[in-house]
Amino acid sequence: MRVLGLPQTAARMPVAIPDSERRRESRQRGFAALAGFFLGLGLLKFGNPAVVDRLVTPPRGYWEFLLMPWPLAWGYALWALVLVFGLFVAERRLPRPRGLALLPAAWLAWQGLAALGTSDARLTGLHLPYFLTLVGGFYLGMLALAPVGSLRVFWLALTGCFAAVLVVGFQQHFGGLEAVRQHVLAQPGAEQLPADYLRRLEAQRIFATLVYPNALAGAILLLLPPLVVAGWELGAGGPSRVRRVLPVALAGGGLACLYWTKSKAGWLLALGLVLVLGLRLRLPARWKWILAGLVLAAGLTAFAVRFAGYFQGGAASAGARLEYWRAAWTTACRYPVLGSGPGTFASSYRPLKPPGAEMTLLAHNDYLQQASDSGFPGALLYLGFWAGSLGLLARRVWAEPLPFAVWLGLLGWALQGWVEFALYVPGVAWTAFWLLGWLWGRAARSESGEAAPLPGRAAGTGGGLGPAGKRTSQPGAVGLT
């Protein structure tokens, strides 16, 4: 018997992989591992915005190196190392629609143009290199990370570092924050500290390794959905009980930390993501609406009970945000084309701040701050890129578990940007831009039939889930690719 003109014995022989192909795959996997460790390290060490980077001093000694945040310049050096490696493995073909894929580059170019007339050269100088790393990370995710056949080490590294962030959150909740509060209050002159700082100490809101509680909430919204799914995929081939341990632990720990941040927006956005997730259930539309109504009613009731004291106290943070947004809009209308300069909201807000109001360095709304800092064109480029990408990719990834989970996390992070400064927290924003780039490249390769399977046992050699969620005997039909 012959198959395709070859003897049966020859047809059964394994296909030899050329050495050049082996070397290319080895380089790709090395890059993916390096990218995973870089993004994970960002969560642990680069959780402070660029605008306060001057307050972060280089660690001295082993324990400071291990436990304290690192200067952002160290992150740029690590990013440059990843970039050099990525250039050797990156493809040179942008996915379609190329106009939308090029919007981040256009946004970055507009930031450079807006910088020419900045009102504060120091602040702009802090933010331009940071924006460059964001946009560069997007294209590295698209052109260098997406073609990698096996992302096992990438997801392992990111999951491990995210788990470490949650561990720090648990430590803060179970005594760490209280110990800090007692230490501060025991110092001479503690009664002269700012009232707002003392209130924050009393609030007992965890923030783990990030700048403040809402930033931790943003990291959880972004990473919990994909890492739970990735954790399930990482255990493929093992006993089902063992396979459940990692995703269940991540889900439970992440939701607990989200609750302990006491983030109002985080709570509501998590509820919204659950409702979006419910749309994927294979149920009649009537039952979907009933379940959505029940989840919404239960979530909003719990929200009202949990934060009743906050609203009875006048919702001070909401009122402060309205003042920030009013100032950002005023500046945007005053400088509608180029704004006041990238990263300069603090300098434009200072003369507009009402007497007695709290000073802020960021607008707590990424989209309004873009309008304030770089004019309406800068804001439209940024908003158009994120809204267009999420809208386009929703259709492309809806049926695939891991890509959909990444999209869901990105949706939560992008929505949080309407009430927070999610764009300006490096450790979280780096991950968001990289994952969006990966999703772009992954979706394009999947549509063209080029998506590489994950080799080995973790790819589902005994059968996996196909793109439409159906069982298939093809090895690595989904996997962590």
Protein backbone atom coordinates (compact mmCIF):
# COMPACT_ATOMS: atom_id res chain seq x y z
CA MET A 1 0.00 0.00 0.00
CA ARG A 2 1.25 3.50 -0.83
CA VAL A 3 0.28 6.85 0.67
CA LEU A 4 0.89 9.92 -1.48
CA GLY A 5 3.23 7.88 -3.65
CA LEU A 6 5.37 6.70 -0.68
CA PRO A 7 5.66 3.22 0.75
CA GLN A 8 3.62 2.61 3.88
CA THR A 9 6.74 2.31 6.03
CA ALA A 10 8.06 5.62 4.74
CA ALA A 11 4.73 7.33 5.33
CA ARG A 12 4.91 6.38 9.00
CA MET A 13 8.40 7.73 9.49
CA PRO A 14 8.61 10.97 11.53
CA VAL A 15 9.31 14.07 9.54
CA ALA A 16 12.79 15.43 10.21
CA ILE A 17 12.85 19.04 11.34
CA PRO A 18 15.67 21.05 9.76
CA ASP A 19 18.30 22.39 12.14
CA SER A 20 17.47 25.96 11.12
CA GLU A 21 13.85 25.41 12.14
CA ARG A 22 14.91 23.92 15.46
CA ARG A 23 17.13 26.91 16.15
CA ARG A 24 14.35 29.31 15.26
CA GLU A 25 11.91 27.55 17.60
CA SER A 26 14.52 27.56 20.35
CA ARG A 27 15.04 31.30 19.96
CA GLN A 28 11.30 31.91 19.97
CA ARG A 29 10.79 29.94 23.17
CA GLY A 30 13.71 31.72 24.80
CA PHE A 31 12.18 35.05 23.88
CA ALA A 32 8.77 34.00 25.24
CA ALA A 33 10.36 32.95 28.54
CA LEU A 34 12.24 36.25 28.79
CA ALA A 35 9.07 38.21 28.02
CA GLY A 36 7.11 36.33 30.68
CA PHE A 37 9.74 37.00 33.33
CA PHE A 38 9.97 40.67 32.32
CA LEU A 39 6.22 41.24 32.57
CA GLY A 40 6.00 39.27 35.81
CA LEU A 41 8.87 41.25 37.28
CA GLY A 42 7.05 44.42 36.25
CA LEU A 43 4.15 43.47 38.54
CA LEU A 44 6.54 42.95 41.43
CA LYS A 45 9.01 45.81 41.00
CA PHE A 46 7.62 48.52 38.73
CA GLY A 47 4.25 49.36 40.25
CA ASN A 48 4.83 53.10 40.66
CA PRO A 49 3.87 55.65 37.96
CA ALA A 50 6.63 57.42 36.09
CA VAL A 51 5.56 60.73 37.62
CA VAL A 52 6.71 59.58 41.09
CA ASP A 53 9.75 57.62 39.92
CA ARG A 54 12.06 60.20 41.49
CA LEU A 55 10.91 58.97 44.90
CA VAL A 56 12.11 55.42 44.18
CA THR A 57 15.75 55.03 45.16
CA PRO A 58 17.96 52.16 44.03
CA PRO A 59 17.91 49.37 46.63
CA ARG A 60 20.90 48.97 48.90
CA GLY A 61 21.62 45.48 50.10
CA TYR A 62 20.04 42.11 49.50
CA TRP A 63 16.77 42.61 51.37
CA GLU A 64 15.99 45.97 49.79
CA PHE A 65 16.75 44.49 46.38
CA LEU A 66 14.33 41.66 47.10
CA LEU A 67 11.53 43.54 48.84
CA MET A 68 11.58 47.15 47.60
CA PRO A 69 10.48 48.60 44.23
CA TRP A 70 13.10 49.34 41.59
CA PRO A 71 13.71 52.58 39.67
CA LEU A 72 11.97 52.72 36.32
CA ALA A 73 15.34 53.11 34.57
CA TRP A 74 16.08 49.51 35.53
CA GLY A 75 12.85 48.49 33.84
CA TYR A 76 13.85 50.34 30.69
CA ALA A 77 17.17 48.49 30.66
CA LEU A 78 15.39 45.14 30.97
CA TRP A 79 12.93 46.17 28.28
CA ALA A 80 15.80 47.05 25.94
CA LEU A 81 17.25 43.58 26.50
CA VAL A 82 13.89 42.00 25.60
CA LEU A 83 13.65 44.28 22.55
CA VAL A 84 17.04 43.19 21.20
CA PHE A 85 16.11 39.54 21.61
CA GLY A 86 12.69 40.16 20.08
CA LEU A 87 14.13 41.76 16.95
CA PHE A 88 15.85 38.47 16.12
CA VAL A 89 12.62 36.46 16.22
CA ALA A 90 10.01 39.03 15.15
CA GLU A 91 8.09 38.70 11.92
CA ARG A 92 7.92 41.64 9.54
CA ARG A 93 4.26 41.44 8.58
CA LEU A 94 1.52 43.48 10.25
CA PRO A 95 -1.91 41.83 10.52
CA ARG A 96 -4.95 43.41 8.95
CA PRO A 97 -6.51 45.92 9.21
CA ARG A 98 -3.12 47.60 9.11
CA GLY A 99 -4.55 51.07 9.67
CA LEU A 100 -5.85 50.06 13.09
CA ALA A 101 -2.66 48.13 13.86
CA LEU A 102 -0.63 51.29 13.18
CA LEU A 103 -2.66 53.54 15.49
CA PRO A 104 -0.32 52.99 18.49
CA ALA A 105 2.60 54.21 16.38
CA ALA A 106 0.53 57.23 15.30
CA TRP A 107 -0.39 57.91 18.94
CA LEU A 108 3.27 57.75 19.96
CA ALA A 109 4.25 60.10 17.13
CA TRP A 110 1.59 62.55 18.29
CA GLN A 111 3.01 62.42 21.81
CA GLY A 112 6.36 63.43 20.38
CA LEU A 113 4.72 66.31 18.52
CA ALA A 114 2.84 67.43 21.63
CA ALA A 115 6.10 67.35 23.58
CA LEU A 116 7.51 70.20 21.49
CA GLY A 117 5.31 72.73 23.25
CA THR A 118 5.10 71.11 26.67
CA SER A 119 4.42 73.19 29.76
CA ASP A 120 6.74 71.05 31.89
CA ALA A 121 9.76 69.53 30.17
CA ARG A 122 10.67 67.43 33.23
CA LEU A 123 7.32 65.65 33.38
CA THR A 124 7.25 65.13 29.63
CA GLY A 125 10.77 63.75 29.74
CA LEU A 126 9.60 61.18 32.29
CA HIS A 127 6.68 60.00 30.16
CA LEU A 128 7.94 59.89 26.57
CA PRO A 129 10.34 56.95 27.12
CA TYR A 130 7.63 55.20 29.10
CA PHE A 131 5.12 55.58 26.25
CA LEU A 132 7.79 54.22 23.89
CA THR A 133 8.06 51.03 25.96
CA LEU A 134 4.27 50.63 25.89
CA VAL A 135 3.99 50.90 22.12
CA GLY A 136 7.12 48.83 21.57
CA GLY A 137 5.69 46.14 23.83
CA PHE A 138 2.49 46.05 21.77
CA TYR A 139 4.41 45.37 18.57
CA LEU A 140 6.71 42.85 20.25
CA GLY A 141 3.64 41.00 21.47
CA MET A 142 2.16 41.07 17.99
CA LEU A 143 5.22 40.25 15.89
CA ALA A 144 7.51 38.30 18.21
CA LEU A 145 5.37 36.66 20.90
CA ALA A 146 2.33 35.64 18.83
CA PRO A 147 4.31 33.41 16.39
CA VAL A 148 5.78 31.35 19.26
CA GLY A 149 4.45 27.81 19.17
CA SER A 150 4.75 27.08 22.90
CA LEU A 151 4.07 29.76 25.49
CA ARG A 152 4.18 27.41 28.44
CA VAL A 153 7.10 29.13 30.18
CA PHE A 154 5.65 32.56 29.41
CA TRP A 155 2.41 31.75 31.21
CA LEU A 156 4.23 29.96 34.01
CA ALA A 157 6.43 33.00 34.68
CA LEU A 158 3.53 35.44 34.55
CA THR A 159 1.37 33.20 36.74
CA GLY A 160 4.12 32.74 39.31
CA CYS A 161 4.76 36.47 39.64
CA PHE A 162 1.05 37.26 39.80
CA ALA A 163 0.68 34.66 42.55
CA ALA A 164 3.52 36.39 44.43
CA VAL A 165 1.59 39.67 44.17
CA LEU A 166 -1.46 37.97 45.68
CA VAL A 167 0.67 36.51 48.49
CA VAL A 168 1.86 40.02 49.37
CA GLY A 169 -1.79 41.13 49.35
CA PHE A 170 -2.69 38.35 51.77
CA GLN A 171 0.22 39.31 54.02
CA GLN A 172 -0.95 42.91 54.10
CA HIS A 173 -4.51 41.93 54.95
CA PHE A 174 -3.52 39.53 57.72
CA GLY A 175 -1.43 41.91 59.78
CA GLY A 176 1.04 43.65 57.47
CA LEU A 177 -0.91 46.88 57.03
CA GLU A 178 -1.81 47.05 60.69
CA ALA A 179 1.86 46.70 61.62
CA VAL A 180 2.72 49.60 59.32
CA ARG A 181 -0.05 51.72 60.82
CA GLN A 182 1.10 51.04 64.37
CA HIS A 183 4.69 51.83 63.42
CA VAL A 184 3.73 55.17 61.83
CA LEU A 185 1.50 56.23 64.71
CA ALA A 186 4.24 55.40 67.21
CA GLN A 187 6.64 57.88 65.62
CA PRO A 188 7.10 61.34 67.21
CA GLY A 189 4.88 63.94 65.57
CA ALA A 190 2.51 61.37 64.02
CA GLU A 191 -0.44 63.57 64.95
CA GLN A 192 0.91 66.22 62.56
CA LEU A 193 0.75 63.96 59.54
CA PRO A 194 -1.75 64.90 56.79
CA ALA A 195 -5.29 63.88 57.65
CA ASP A 196 -5.72 62.20 54.28
CA TYR A 197 -2.67 60.00 54.89
CA LEU A 198 -3.98 58.99 58.31
CA ARG A 199 -7.36 58.13 56.80
CA ARG A 200 -5.65 55.88 54.26
CA LEU A 201 -3.81 54.08 57.03
CA GLU A 202 -7.11 53.49 58.80
CA ALA A 203 -8.83 52.26 55.64
CA GLN A 204 -6.84 49.00 55.65
CA ARG A 205 -7.00 48.66 51.86
CA ILE A 206 -4.38 46.32 50.43
CA PHE A 207 -2.26 47.30 47.44
CA ALA A 208 0.37 44.50 47.37
CA THR A 209 3.34 45.55 45.20
CA LEU A 210 1.52 48.31 43.30
CA VAL A 211 1.19 52.02 43.92
CA TYR A 212 -2.22 51.90 45.58
CA PRO A 213 -5.31 49.67 45.98
CA ASN A 214 -7.09 50.58 42.74
CA ALA A 215 -3.95 49.75 40.76
CA LEU A 216 -3.99 46.26 42.32
CA ALA A 217 -7.66 45.97 41.37
CA GLY A 218 -6.72 46.83 37.78
CA ALA A 219 -4.03 44.15 37.72
CA ILE A 220 -6.52 41.57 38.98
CA LEU A 221 -9.13 42.58 36.40
CA LEU A 222 -6.51 42.30 33.65
CA LEU A 223 -4.81 39.05 34.62
CA LEU A 224 -7.21 36.89 36.60
CA PRO A 225 -9.33 35.74 33.61
CA PRO A 226 -6.42 34.67 31.34
CA LEU A 227 -4.29 33.21 34.14
CA VAL A 228 -7.14 31.05 35.45
CA VAL A 229 -7.62 29.61 31.96
CA ALA A 230 -3.87 29.31 31.43
CA GLY A 231 -3.58 27.55 34.77
CA TRP A 232 -6.13 25.01 33.62
CA GLU A 233 -4.29 24.49 30.34
CA LEU A 234 -0.94 24.14 32.11
CA GLY A 235 -2.29 21.11 33.95
CA ALA A 236 -3.48 19.36 30.78
CA GLY A 237 -2.68 15.67 30.81
CA GLY A 238 -2.67 15.37 34.60
CA PRO A 239 -5.36 14.12 36.98
CA SER A 240 -8.43 16.35 36.93
CA ARG A 241 -8.31 16.96 40.69
CA VAL A 242 -4.70 18.12 40.52
CA ARG A 243 -5.44 20.15 37.41
CA ARG A 244 -8.05 22.19 39.28
CA VAL A 245 -5.71 23.26 42.07
CA LEU A 246 -3.91 26.12 40.29
CA PRO A 247 -6.92 27.79 38.63
CA VAL A 248 -9.06 27.46 41.75
CA ALA A 249 -6.28 28.89 43.94
CA LEU A 250 -5.73 31.78 41.53
CA ALA A 251 -9.44 32.53 41.28
CA GLY A 252 -10.00 32.40 45.02
CA GLY A 253 -6.89 34.41 45.87
CA GLY A 254 -7.53 37.00 43.17
CA LEU A 255 -11.16 37.58 44.15
CA ALA A 256 -10.22 37.83 47.83
CA CYS A 257 -7.57 40.44 47.07
CA LEU A 258 -9.98 42.34 44.84
CA TYR A 259 -12.44 42.42 47.74
CA TRP A 260 -9.75 43.63 50.18
CA THR A 261 -8.73 46.49 47.90
CA LYS A 262 -12.18 47.96 48.58
CA SER A 263 -12.16 49.27 45.01
CA LYS A 264 -15.64 50.38 44.05
CA ALA A 265 -14.86 50.51 40.33
CA GLY A 266 -13.08 47.17 40.56
CA TRP A 267 -16.16 45.55 42.07
CA LEU A 268 -18.52 46.94 39.42
CA LEU A 269 -16.18 46.10 36.55
CA ALA A 270 -15.72 42.54 37.82
CA LEU A 271 -19.50 42.23 37.89
CA GLY A 272 -19.66 43.50 34.31
CA LEU A 273 -17.04 40.98 33.17
CA VAL A 274 -19.06 38.17 34.74
CA LEU A 275 -22.07 39.33 32.71
CA VAL A 276 -20.01 39.37 29.50
CA LEU A 277 -18.72 35.90 30.33
CA GLY A 278 -22.32 34.75 30.71
CA LEU A 279 -22.96 35.59 27.07
CA ARG A 280 -20.76 32.62 26.12
CA LEU A 281 -22.97 30.15 27.99
CA ARG A 282 -24.75 27.69 25.72
CA LEU A 283 -28.20 28.53 27.00
CA PRO A 284 -31.37 29.91 25.41
CA ALA A 285 -31.43 33.69 25.32
CA ARG A 286 -34.27 33.77 27.86
CA TRP A 287 -32.23 31.93 30.46
CA LYS A 288 -29.23 34.13 29.80
CA TRP A 289 -31.31 37.21 30.56
CA ILE A 290 -32.69 35.65 33.73
CA LEU A 291 -29.24 34.68 34.97
CA ALA A 292 -27.85 38.10 34.06
CA GLY A 293 -30.63 39.77 36.03
CA LEU A 294 -30.00 37.60 39.08
CA VAL A 295 -26.22 38.17 38.97
CA LEU A 296 -26.69 41.91 38.50
CA ALA A 297 -29.20 42.19 41.35
CA ALA A 298 -27.03 40.17 43.73
CA GLY A 299 -23.86 42.04 42.79
CA LEU A 300 -25.38 45.51 43.12
CA THR A 301 -27.05 44.61 46.42
CA ALA A 302 -23.76 43.36 47.82
CA PHE A 303 -22.04 46.49 46.49
CA ALA A 304 -24.58 48.75 48.19
CA VAL A 305 -24.16 46.95 51.50
CA ARG A 306 -20.36 46.79 51.28
CA PHE A 307 -19.89 50.48 50.50
CA ALA A 308 -22.83 51.98 52.38
CA GLY A 309 -20.49 53.82 54.73
CA TYR A 310 -18.59 55.32 51.82
CA PHE A 311 -21.71 56.84 50.29
CA GLN A 312 -23.04 57.98 53.67
CA GLY A 313 -19.73 59.77 54.20
CA GLY A 314 -20.25 61.80 51.04
CA ALA A 315 -18.24 59.75 48.51
CA ALA A 316 -15.26 62.06 48.82
CA SER A 317 -13.09 60.29 46.24
CA ALA A 318 -15.85 60.49 43.63
CA GLY A 319 -16.17 64.22 44.25
CA ALA A 320 -12.41 64.66 43.95
CA ARG A 321 -12.40 62.81 40.64
CA LEU A 322 -15.02 65.16 39.26
CA GLU A 323 -12.70 68.05 40.04
CA TYR A 324 -9.80 66.28 38.28
CA TRP A 325 -11.94 65.62 35.24
CA ARG A 326 -13.23 69.18 35.12
CA ALA A 327 -9.66 70.45 35.17
CA ALA A 328 -8.59 67.99 32.46
CA TRP A 329 -11.49 69.06 30.25
CA THR A 330 -10.70 72.74 30.83
CA THR A 331 -7.07 72.20 29.81
CA ALA A 332 -8.11 70.17 26.75
CA CYS A 333 -10.43 72.96 25.61
CA ARG A 334 -7.70 75.53 26.22
CA TYR A 335 -5.14 73.56 24.18
CA PRO A 336 -7.29 71.40 21.88
CA VAL A 337 -4.62 70.38 19.36
CA LEU A 338 -1.44 69.53 21.27
CA GLY A 339 -2.53 69.79 24.90
CA SER A 340 -0.23 70.91 27.69
CA GLY A 341 2.38 68.21 26.98
CA PRO A 342 2.61 64.45 27.67
CA GLY A 343 2.43 63.66 31.38
CA THR A 344 1.88 67.27 32.48
CA PHE A 345 -1.56 67.02 34.07
CA ALA A 346 -0.09 67.84 37.49
CA SER A 347 1.26 71.20 36.29
CA SER A 348 -1.98 72.10 34.49
CA TYR A 349 -4.15 71.03 37.44
CA ARG A 350 -2.29 73.05 40.07
CA PRO A 351 -3.60 76.51 39.02
CA LEU A 352 -7.09 75.08 38.43
CA LYS A 353 -7.33 73.26 41.76
CA PRO A 354 -10.08 74.59 44.06
CA PRO A 355 -8.81 76.01 47.37
CA GLY A 356 -8.49 73.25 49.94
CA ALA A 357 -8.79 70.45 47.37
CA GLU A 358 -6.32 67.60 47.40
CA MET A 359 -3.46 67.84 44.91
CA THR A 360 -3.11 65.04 42.37
CA LEU A 361 -0.49 64.11 39.80
CA LEU A 362 -2.77 62.19 37.42
CA ALA A 363 -6.31 62.78 36.18
CA HIS A 364 -7.71 59.38 37.19
CA ASN A 365 -9.13 59.07 33.68
CA ASP A 366 -6.69 57.95 30.98
CA TYR A 367 -8.80 59.20 28.10
CA LEU A 368 -9.41 62.67 29.54
CA GLN A 369 -5.77 62.95 30.50
CA GLN A 370 -4.80 62.16 26.94
CA ALA A 371 -7.01 65.06 25.82
CA SER A 372 -5.48 67.33 28.46
CA ASP A 373 -1.88 66.30 27.78
CA SER A 374 -1.86 65.82 24.01
CA GLY A 375 -5.04 67.44 22.74
CA PHE A 376 -8.13 65.88 21.27
CA PRO A 377 -6.19 64.19 18.42
CA GLY A 378 -4.04 62.33 20.98
CA ALA A 379 -7.11 61.27 22.95
CA LEU A 380 -8.94 60.09 19.81
CA LEU A 381 -5.93 58.09 18.63
CA TYR A 382 -5.63 56.35 21.98
CA LEU A 383 -9.36 55.75 22.40
CA GLY A 384 -9.76 54.67 18.78
CA PHE A 385 -6.96 52.15 19.10
CA TRP A 386 -8.31 50.48 22.25
CA ALA A 387 -11.99 50.61 21.31
CA GLY A 388 -11.28 49.49 17.75
CA SER A 389 -9.00 46.65 18.84
CA LEU A 390 -11.39 45.29 21.46
CA GLY A 391 -14.34 45.54 19.08
CA LEU A 392 -12.49 43.86 16.22
CA LEU A 393 -10.94 41.10 18.33
CA ALA A 394 -14.15 40.22 20.16
CA ARG A 395 -15.47 38.52 17.03
CA ARG A 396 -12.18 36.82 16.26
CA VAL A 397 -11.53 35.27 19.67
CA TRP A 398 -15.02 34.71 21.06
CA ALA A 399 -14.97 30.91 20.61
CA GLU A 400 -11.44 30.21 21.92
CA PRO A 401 -11.08 29.94 25.71
CA LEU A 402 -7.64 31.44 26.33
CA PRO A 403 -7.75 34.25 23.72
CA PHE A 404 -11.25 35.14 24.92
CA ALA A 405 -10.03 35.24 28.53
CA VAL A 406 -7.18 37.57 27.50
CA TRP A 407 -9.69 39.78 25.67
CA LEU A 408 -11.97 39.81 28.72
CA GLY A 409 -9.15 40.94 30.99
CA LEU A 410 -8.13 43.65 28.52
CA LEU A 411 -11.73 44.86 28.38
CA GLY A 412 -11.79 45.24 32.17
CA TRP A 413 -8.45 47.06 32.21
CA ALA A 414 -9.45 49.45 29.40
CA LEU A 415 -12.75 50.25 31.11
CA GLN A 416 -10.99 50.93 34.40
CA GLY A 417 -9.03 53.60 32.55
CA TRP A 418 -12.17 55.76 32.57
CA VAL A 419 -11.97 56.20 36.34
CA GLU A 420 -8.30 55.45 37.12
CA PHE A 421 -4.78 56.04 35.78
CA ALA A 422 -4.36 52.46 34.53
CA LEU A 423 -2.24 53.62 31.59
CA TYR A 424 0.36 55.14 33.92
CA VAL A 425 1.18 52.11 36.13
CA PRO A 426 4.12 50.50 34.25
CA GLY A 427 3.97 46.98 35.65
CA VAL A 428 0.30 46.60 34.70
CA ALA A 429 0.20 48.70 31.52
CA TRP A 430 3.22 46.89 30.05
CA THR A 431 1.35 43.60 30.45
CA ALA A 432 -1.83 45.04 28.93
CA PHE A 433 -0.07 46.30 25.79
CA TRP A 434 1.92 43.06 25.36
CA LEU A 435 -1.19 40.91 25.73
CA LEU A 436 -3.15 43.06 23.31
CA GLY A 437 -0.34 42.73 20.78
CA TRP A 438 -0.25 38.97 21.32
CA LEU A 439 -4.01 38.81 20.83
CA TRP A 440 -3.75 40.73 17.58
CA GLY A 441 -1.06 38.40 16.23
CA ARG A 442 -2.72 35.26 17.59
CA ALA A 443 -6.10 36.13 16.05
CA ALA A 444 -4.51 36.94 12.68
CA ARG A 445 -2.58 33.67 12.60
CA SER A 446 -5.62 31.68 13.68
CA GLU A 447 -7.73 33.17 10.90
CA SER A 448 -5.06 32.36 8.32
CA GLY A 449 -4.56 28.83 9.65
CA GLU A 450 -0.97 29.54 10.75
CA ALA A 451 -1.43 29.17 14.52
CA ALA A 452 1.16 26.70 15.70
CA PRO A 453 0.14 23.93 18.10
CA LEU A 454 1.72 23.54 21.47
CA PRO A 455 3.94 20.45 21.20
CA GLY A 456 4.12 17.76 23.81
CA ARG A 457 1.74 16.54 26.44
CA ALA A 458 0.48 20.00 27.47
CA ALA A 459 -0.79 20.57 23.98
CA GLY A 460 -3.44 17.95 24.48
CA THR A 461 -1.93 15.03 22.60
CA GLY A 462 -4.84 12.95 23.67
CA GLY A 463 -7.34 15.32 22.12
CA GLY A 464 -8.23 18.90 22.94
CA LEU A 465 -10.74 21.62 22.32
CA GLY A 466 -10.98 22.92 18.80
CA PRO A 467 -11.49 26.57 17.90
CA ALA A 468 -15.24 26.26 18.25
CA GLY A 469 -15.03 24.46 21.59
CA LYS A 470 -15.60 20.99 20.08
CA ARG A 471 -13.59 17.90 20.87
CA THR A 472 -10.95 17.05 18.34
CA SER A 473 -8.30 14.37 18.00
CA GLN A 474 -5.81 16.81 16.51
CA PRO A 475 -2.92 17.35 18.92
CA GLY A 476 -2.59 20.82 20.34
CA ALA A 477 -5.78 22.18 18.79
CA VAL A 478 -5.85 24.91 21.40
CA GLY A 479 -3.13 24.57 24.02
CA LEU A 480 -1.27 27.59 25.30
CA THR A 481 -0.56 29.04 21.87
